[in-house]
N, C-alpha and C. Protein backbone atom coordinates (compact mmCIF):
# COMPACT_ATOMS: atom_id res chain seq x y z
N MET A 1 -26.71 22.18 30.17
CA MET A 1 -25.53 22.31 29.25
C MET A 1 -25.94 23.00 28.03
N ASN A 2 -24.96 23.65 27.48
CA ASN A 2 -25.15 24.41 26.26
C ASN A 2 -25.55 23.48 25.07
N PRO A 3 -26.66 23.79 24.36
CA PRO A 3 -27.02 22.88 23.24
C PRO A 3 -25.97 22.76 22.12
N HIS A 4 -25.26 23.82 21.89
CA HIS A 4 -24.18 23.80 20.83
C HIS A 4 -23.09 22.86 21.34
N LEU A 5 -22.74 22.86 22.60
CA LEU A 5 -21.70 22.05 23.16
C LEU A 5 -22.13 20.58 23.02
N GLU A 6 -23.46 20.27 23.37
CA GLU A 6 -23.98 18.95 23.27
C GLU A 6 -23.86 18.36 21.83
N THR A 7 -24.19 19.23 20.92
CA THR A 7 -24.11 18.82 19.45
C THR A 7 -22.71 18.45 19.08
N ALA A 8 -21.81 19.36 19.61
CA ALA A 8 -20.28 19.09 19.24
C ALA A 8 -19.88 17.86 19.87
N VAL A 9 -20.23 17.54 21.08
CA VAL A 9 -19.82 16.31 21.73
C VAL A 9 -20.40 15.14 21.02
N ARG A 10 -21.66 15.22 20.57
CA ARG A 10 -22.25 14.11 19.75
C ARG A 10 -21.45 13.90 18.49
N ILE A 11 -21.12 14.96 17.79
CA ILE A 11 -20.34 14.83 16.54
C ILE A 11 -19.03 14.10 16.85
N VAL A 12 -18.32 14.59 17.89
CA VAL A 12 -17.02 13.98 18.10
C VAL A 12 -17.23 12.50 18.52
N LEU A 13 -18.22 12.20 19.36
CA LEU A 13 -18.39 10.76 19.76
C LEU A 13 -18.76 9.88 18.51
N ARG A 14 -19.62 10.44 17.56
CA ARG A 14 -19.94 9.70 16.36
C ARG A 14 -18.70 9.45 15.50
N THR A 15 -17.85 10.51 15.43
CA THR A 15 -16.65 10.42 14.63
C THR A 15 -15.80 9.37 15.31
N LEU A 16 -15.61 9.37 16.46
CA LEU A 16 -14.75 8.37 17.22
C LEU A 16 -15.28 6.92 17.04
N ALA A 17 -16.59 6.84 17.12
CA ALA A 17 -17.20 5.53 16.99
C ALA A 17 -16.99 5.06 15.56
N VAL A 18 -17.17 5.84 14.55
CA VAL A 18 -16.92 5.45 13.11
C VAL A 18 -15.47 5.05 12.97
N GLY A 19 -14.58 5.87 13.54
CA GLY A 19 -13.07 5.52 13.45
C GLY A 19 -12.75 4.24 14.16
N ALA A 20 -13.38 3.94 15.25
CA ALA A 20 -13.18 2.62 15.95
C ALA A 20 -13.70 1.48 15.19
N VAL A 21 -14.94 1.68 14.52
CA VAL A 21 -15.36 0.52 13.66
C VAL A 21 -14.44 0.32 12.47
N LEU A 22 -13.99 1.43 11.90
CA LEU A 22 -13.16 1.24 10.69
C LEU A 22 -11.86 0.56 11.05
N ALA A 23 -11.20 0.99 12.18
CA ALA A 23 -10.00 0.34 12.72
C ALA A 23 -10.15 -1.05 12.98
N ALA A 24 -11.34 -1.37 13.60
CA ALA A 24 -11.56 -2.86 13.98
C ALA A 24 -11.93 -3.70 12.74
N SER A 25 -12.25 -3.09 11.59
CA SER A 25 -12.63 -3.97 10.44
C SER A 25 -11.35 -4.09 9.49
N THR A 26 -10.22 -3.74 9.78
CA THR A 26 -9.11 -3.89 8.86
C THR A 26 -8.84 -5.39 8.70
N GLY A 27 -8.21 -5.70 7.54
CA GLY A 27 -8.11 -7.18 7.18
C GLY A 27 -6.74 -7.60 7.40
N CYS A 28 -6.29 -7.69 8.60
CA CYS A 28 -4.94 -8.31 8.97
C CYS A 28 -5.17 -9.76 9.23
N ALA A 29 -4.33 -10.54 8.78
CA ALA A 29 -4.39 -11.98 9.03
C ALA A 29 -3.07 -12.58 8.98
N THR A 30 -2.89 -13.62 9.68
CA THR A 30 -1.57 -14.37 9.75
C THR A 30 -1.72 -15.39 8.67
N VAL A 31 -0.66 -15.60 7.86
CA VAL A 31 -0.64 -16.49 6.78
C VAL A 31 0.31 -17.60 7.13
N ALA A 32 -0.23 -18.87 7.04
CA ALA A 32 0.54 -20.00 7.38
C ALA A 32 1.67 -20.24 6.37
N PRO A 33 2.72 -20.79 6.71
CA PRO A 33 3.89 -21.01 5.76
C PRO A 33 3.47 -21.77 4.54
N TYR A 34 2.61 -22.78 4.63
CA TYR A 34 2.18 -23.62 3.45
C TYR A 34 1.27 -22.70 2.57
N GLU A 35 0.68 -21.63 3.03
CA GLU A 35 -0.18 -20.82 2.20
C GLU A 35 0.51 -19.72 1.42
N ARG A 36 1.76 -19.47 1.82
CA ARG A 36 2.56 -18.39 1.20
C ARG A 36 2.95 -18.66 -0.18
N GLY A 37 3.03 -19.91 -0.56
CA GLY A 37 3.32 -20.25 -2.00
C GLY A 37 2.19 -19.75 -2.96
N LYS A 38 0.91 -19.83 -2.48
CA LYS A 38 -0.21 -19.28 -3.30
C LYS A 38 0.01 -17.78 -3.46
N LEU A 39 0.41 -17.11 -2.36
CA LEU A 39 0.58 -15.51 -2.46
C LEU A 39 1.73 -15.15 -3.24
N ALA A 40 2.74 -16.11 -3.32
CA ALA A 40 3.97 -15.73 -4.04
C ALA A 40 3.93 -16.18 -5.48
N HIS A 41 2.76 -16.49 -6.09
CA HIS A 41 2.64 -16.93 -7.37
C HIS A 41 3.09 -15.81 -8.30
N PRO A 42 3.68 -16.12 -9.45
CA PRO A 42 4.11 -15.05 -10.41
C PRO A 42 2.95 -14.17 -10.83
N THR A 43 1.75 -14.57 -10.86
CA THR A 43 0.61 -13.76 -11.33
C THR A 43 0.35 -12.62 -10.36
N MET A 44 0.87 -12.78 -9.03
CA MET A 44 0.60 -11.77 -7.98
C MET A 44 1.53 -10.68 -8.01
N VAL A 45 2.59 -10.64 -9.01
CA VAL A 45 3.53 -9.64 -9.05
C VAL A 45 3.00 -8.45 -9.82
N ALA A 46 3.14 -7.24 -9.19
CA ALA A 46 2.66 -5.97 -9.88
C ALA A 46 3.55 -5.67 -11.03
N GLY A 47 4.86 -6.17 -11.16
CA GLY A 47 5.72 -5.83 -12.25
C GLY A 47 5.23 -6.40 -13.59
N ASP A 48 4.37 -7.38 -13.50
CA ASP A 48 3.81 -7.92 -14.79
C ASP A 48 2.93 -6.94 -15.58
N ILE A 49 2.29 -6.02 -14.85
CA ILE A 49 1.41 -5.23 -15.44
C ILE A 49 1.94 -3.83 -15.64
N THR A 50 3.13 -3.61 -15.33
CA THR A 50 3.71 -2.22 -15.41
C THR A 50 4.18 -1.96 -16.89
N GLY A 51 4.22 -0.78 -17.14
CA GLY A 51 4.74 -0.39 -18.49
C GLY A 51 6.25 -0.23 -18.40
N PHE A 52 6.78 0.17 -19.59
CA PHE A 52 8.25 0.33 -19.60
C PHE A 52 8.75 1.42 -18.66
N GLY A 53 8.10 2.53 -18.62
CA GLY A 53 8.43 3.74 -17.88
C GLY A 53 8.55 3.33 -16.36
N GLU A 54 7.50 2.70 -15.81
CA GLU A 54 7.48 2.34 -14.45
C GLU A 54 8.47 1.26 -14.10
N ALA A 55 8.73 0.33 -15.00
CA ALA A 55 9.79 -0.70 -14.81
C ALA A 55 11.11 0.03 -14.84
N HIS A 56 11.30 0.96 -15.63
CA HIS A 56 12.55 1.70 -15.72
C HIS A 56 12.86 2.47 -14.37
N VAL A 57 11.86 3.10 -13.91
CA VAL A 57 11.99 3.87 -12.63
C VAL A 57 12.26 2.89 -11.49
N ARG A 58 11.61 1.77 -11.45
CA ARG A 58 11.85 0.80 -10.36
C ARG A 58 13.27 0.25 -10.54
N ALA A 59 13.77 0.01 -11.67
CA ALA A 59 15.10 -0.61 -11.86
C ALA A 59 16.10 0.40 -11.43
N ILE A 60 15.97 1.66 -11.70
CA ILE A 60 16.86 2.66 -11.28
C ILE A 60 16.91 2.87 -9.85
N HIS A 61 15.75 3.01 -9.26
CA HIS A 61 15.75 3.10 -7.78
C HIS A 61 16.30 1.96 -7.02
N GLU A 62 16.16 0.68 -7.56
CA GLU A 62 16.67 -0.45 -7.01
C GLU A 62 18.19 -0.76 -7.35
N GLY A 63 18.61 0.14 -8.30
CA GLY A 63 19.99 -0.13 -8.80
C GLY A 63 20.21 -1.35 -9.63
N ALA A 64 19.20 -1.99 -10.12
CA ALA A 64 19.39 -3.22 -10.88
C ALA A 64 18.71 -3.08 -12.15
N THR A 65 19.44 -2.60 -13.24
CA THR A 65 18.94 -2.52 -14.52
C THR A 65 19.47 -3.78 -15.29
N GLY A 66 18.68 -4.11 -16.24
CA GLY A 66 19.09 -5.31 -17.03
C GLY A 66 17.93 -5.77 -17.89
N GLY A 67 18.25 -6.01 -19.20
CA GLY A 67 17.22 -6.60 -20.11
C GLY A 67 16.33 -5.50 -20.58
N SER A 68 16.21 -4.28 -19.99
CA SER A 68 15.32 -3.34 -20.52
C SER A 68 16.09 -2.38 -21.58
N GLY A 69 17.26 -2.47 -21.74
CA GLY A 69 18.01 -1.69 -22.66
C GLY A 69 18.33 -0.28 -22.11
N GLY A 70 17.84 -0.03 -20.91
CA GLY A 70 18.12 1.36 -20.29
C GLY A 70 19.41 1.38 -19.51
N THR A 71 19.83 2.54 -19.23
CA THR A 71 20.96 2.71 -18.33
C THR A 71 20.53 3.53 -17.07
N GLY A 72 21.21 3.30 -15.97
CA GLY A 72 20.87 4.00 -14.87
C GLY A 72 21.89 3.93 -13.78
N SER A 73 21.89 4.78 -12.89
CA SER A 73 23.06 4.84 -11.90
C SER A 73 22.65 4.31 -10.49
N GLY A 74 21.33 4.15 -10.33
CA GLY A 74 20.93 3.64 -9.02
C GLY A 74 20.48 4.73 -8.05
N CYS A 75 20.83 6.03 -8.45
CA CYS A 75 20.52 7.15 -7.48
C CYS A 75 19.18 7.75 -7.96
N GLY A 76 18.62 7.37 -9.04
CA GLY A 76 17.31 7.97 -9.51
C GLY A 76 17.46 9.13 -10.34
N CYS A 77 18.72 9.51 -10.72
CA CYS A 77 18.96 10.77 -11.57
C CYS A 77 19.52 10.16 -12.90
N ASN A 78 18.87 10.50 -14.05
CA ASN A 78 19.37 9.97 -15.29
C ASN A 78 20.09 11.16 -15.91
């Protein structure tokens, strides 16, 4: 067999092996209903750490502005 072909095959096999290991090590888990309260804690909300600009953009895209003093139409165009 051609040495260059063997090297290419080894590289492809190593890449596939690394990809398989990475895919197998993902952190998917089933959460029991009684544990969801911990995950739904107000400190877990990303909106608490956002600035005014990001909160404004989210409010416009969701079509729900209020309390921020801004106006929006819900279409994302101001």
